Amino acid sequence: MSTFRHDYETFIIHNPIDDVGADKLRDAIGIYDFSTTIPE
């Protein structure tokens, strides 16, 4: 999961999209606030 998260964050950084779209994408793939610790 950590590799996926890293790839996702890199994608967002290098391919900026509107905030609403980004929020919908995060919700769709189950990624929450990056400051939140997710149990392994």
N, C-alpha and C. Protein backbone atom coordinates (compact mmCIF):
# COMPACT_ATOMS: atom_id res chain seq x y z
N MET A 1 0.84 -1.20 0.00
CA MET A 1 0.00 0.00 0.00
C MET A 1 0.87 1.25 0.00
N SER A 2 1.98 1.20 0.72
CA SER A 2 2.83 2.39 0.82
C SER A 2 3.38 2.78 -0.54
N THR A 3 3.73 1.79 -1.36
CA THR A 3 4.23 2.09 -2.70
C THR A 3 3.15 2.75 -3.52
N PHE A 4 1.93 2.23 -3.43
CA PHE A 4 0.81 2.82 -4.15
C PHE A 4 0.59 4.26 -3.71
N ARG A 5 0.62 4.48 -2.39
CA ARG A 5 0.40 5.83 -1.87
C ARG A 5 1.47 6.78 -2.41
N HIS A 6 2.72 6.31 -2.44
CA HIS A 6 3.81 7.15 -2.93
C HIS A 6 3.58 7.49 -4.40
N ASP A 7 3.22 6.49 -5.19
CA ASP A 7 2.95 6.71 -6.61
C ASP A 7 1.79 7.68 -6.79
N TYR A 8 0.77 7.53 -5.97
CA TYR A 8 -0.41 8.40 -6.05
C TYR A 8 -0.03 9.84 -5.73
N GLU A 9 0.72 10.03 -4.65
CA GLU A 9 1.12 11.38 -4.27
C GLU A 9 1.98 12.00 -5.35
N THR A 10 2.89 11.22 -5.94
CA THR A 10 3.74 11.72 -7.02
C THR A 10 2.88 12.12 -8.21
N PHE A 11 1.89 11.31 -8.52
CA PHE A 11 0.99 11.60 -9.64
C PHE A 11 0.29 12.94 -9.42
N ILE A 12 -0.25 13.13 -8.22
CA ILE A 12 -0.97 14.36 -7.93
C ILE A 12 -0.04 15.57 -8.02
N ILE A 13 1.19 15.43 -7.53
CA ILE A 13 2.14 16.53 -7.55
C ILE A 13 2.49 16.91 -8.99
N HIS A 14 2.69 15.92 -9.83
CA HIS A 14 3.13 16.18 -11.20
C HIS A 14 1.99 16.37 -12.18
N ASN A 15 0.77 16.04 -11.76
CA ASN A 15 -0.39 16.19 -12.61
C ASN A 15 -1.50 16.88 -11.83
N PRO A 16 -1.31 18.16 -11.52
CA PRO A 16 -2.29 18.87 -10.70
C PRO A 16 -3.66 18.91 -11.36
N ILE A 17 -4.70 18.62 -10.57
CA ILE A 17 -6.07 18.73 -11.04
C ILE A 17 -6.82 19.57 -10.04
N ASP A 18 -8.03 19.98 -10.41
CA ASP A 18 -8.78 20.84 -9.49
C ASP A 18 -9.03 20.13 -8.16
N ASP A 19 -9.14 20.91 -7.10
CA ASP A 19 -9.26 20.35 -5.75
C ASP A 19 -10.45 19.41 -5.61
N VAL A 20 -11.58 19.76 -6.19
CA VAL A 20 -12.77 18.91 -6.08
C VAL A 20 -12.50 17.58 -6.74
N GLY A 21 -11.88 17.59 -7.91
CA GLY A 21 -11.56 16.35 -8.61
C GLY A 21 -10.61 15.50 -7.78
N ALA A 22 -9.63 16.14 -7.16
CA ALA A 22 -8.67 15.42 -6.34
C ALA A 22 -9.36 14.78 -5.14
N ASP A 23 -10.27 15.53 -4.50
CA ASP A 23 -11.00 14.99 -3.36
C ASP A 23 -11.84 13.78 -3.77
N LYS A 24 -12.50 13.89 -4.92
CA LYS A 24 -13.34 12.78 -5.39
C LYS A 24 -12.47 11.56 -5.69
N LEU A 25 -11.30 11.80 -6.27
CA LEU A 25 -10.40 10.69 -6.60
C LEU A 25 -9.91 10.02 -5.33
N ARG A 26 -9.53 10.83 -4.32
CA ARG A 26 -9.07 10.26 -3.05
C ARG A 26 -10.18 9.43 -2.41
N ASP A 27 -11.40 9.96 -2.43
CA ASP A 27 -12.53 9.23 -1.84
C ASP A 27 -12.76 7.92 -2.60
N ALA A 28 -12.65 7.97 -3.91
CA ALA A 28 -12.95 6.80 -4.73
C ALA A 28 -11.97 5.65 -4.46
N ILE A 29 -10.71 5.98 -4.18
CA ILE A 29 -9.72 4.92 -3.96
C ILE A 29 -9.38 4.74 -2.49
N GLY A 30 -10.12 5.41 -1.62
CA GLY A 30 -10.01 5.13 -0.18
C GLY A 30 -8.77 5.72 0.47
N ILE A 31 -8.26 6.81 -0.07
CA ILE A 31 -7.10 7.45 0.57
C ILE A 31 -7.62 8.65 1.36
N TYR A 32 -7.18 8.71 2.61
CA TYR A 32 -7.65 9.77 3.48
C TYR A 32 -6.57 10.82 3.68
N ASP A 33 -6.81 11.74 4.58
CA ASP A 33 -5.84 12.76 4.94
C ASP A 33 -4.45 12.14 5.10
N PHE A 34 -3.48 12.67 4.36
CA PHE A 34 -2.14 12.08 4.38
C PHE A 34 -1.46 12.18 5.74
N SER A 35 -1.99 13.02 6.61
CA SER A 35 -1.41 13.12 7.96
C SER A 35 -1.94 12.02 8.87
N THR A 36 -2.95 11.29 8.40
CA THR A 36 -3.55 10.23 9.20
C THR A 36 -2.73 8.95 9.10
N THR A 37 -2.50 8.32 10.21
CA THR A 37 -1.78 7.05 10.21
C THR A 37 -2.75 5.91 9.93
N ILE A 38 -2.45 5.14 8.88
CA ILE A 38 -3.31 4.01 8.53
C ILE A 38 -2.63 2.73 8.97
N PRO A 39 -3.33 1.90 9.77
CA PRO A 39 -2.74 0.65 10.24
C PRO A 39 -2.29 -0.22 9.07
N GLU A 40 -1.14 -0.85 9.21
CA GLU A 40 -0.63 -1.72 8.15
C GLU A 40 -1.42 -3.02 8.11
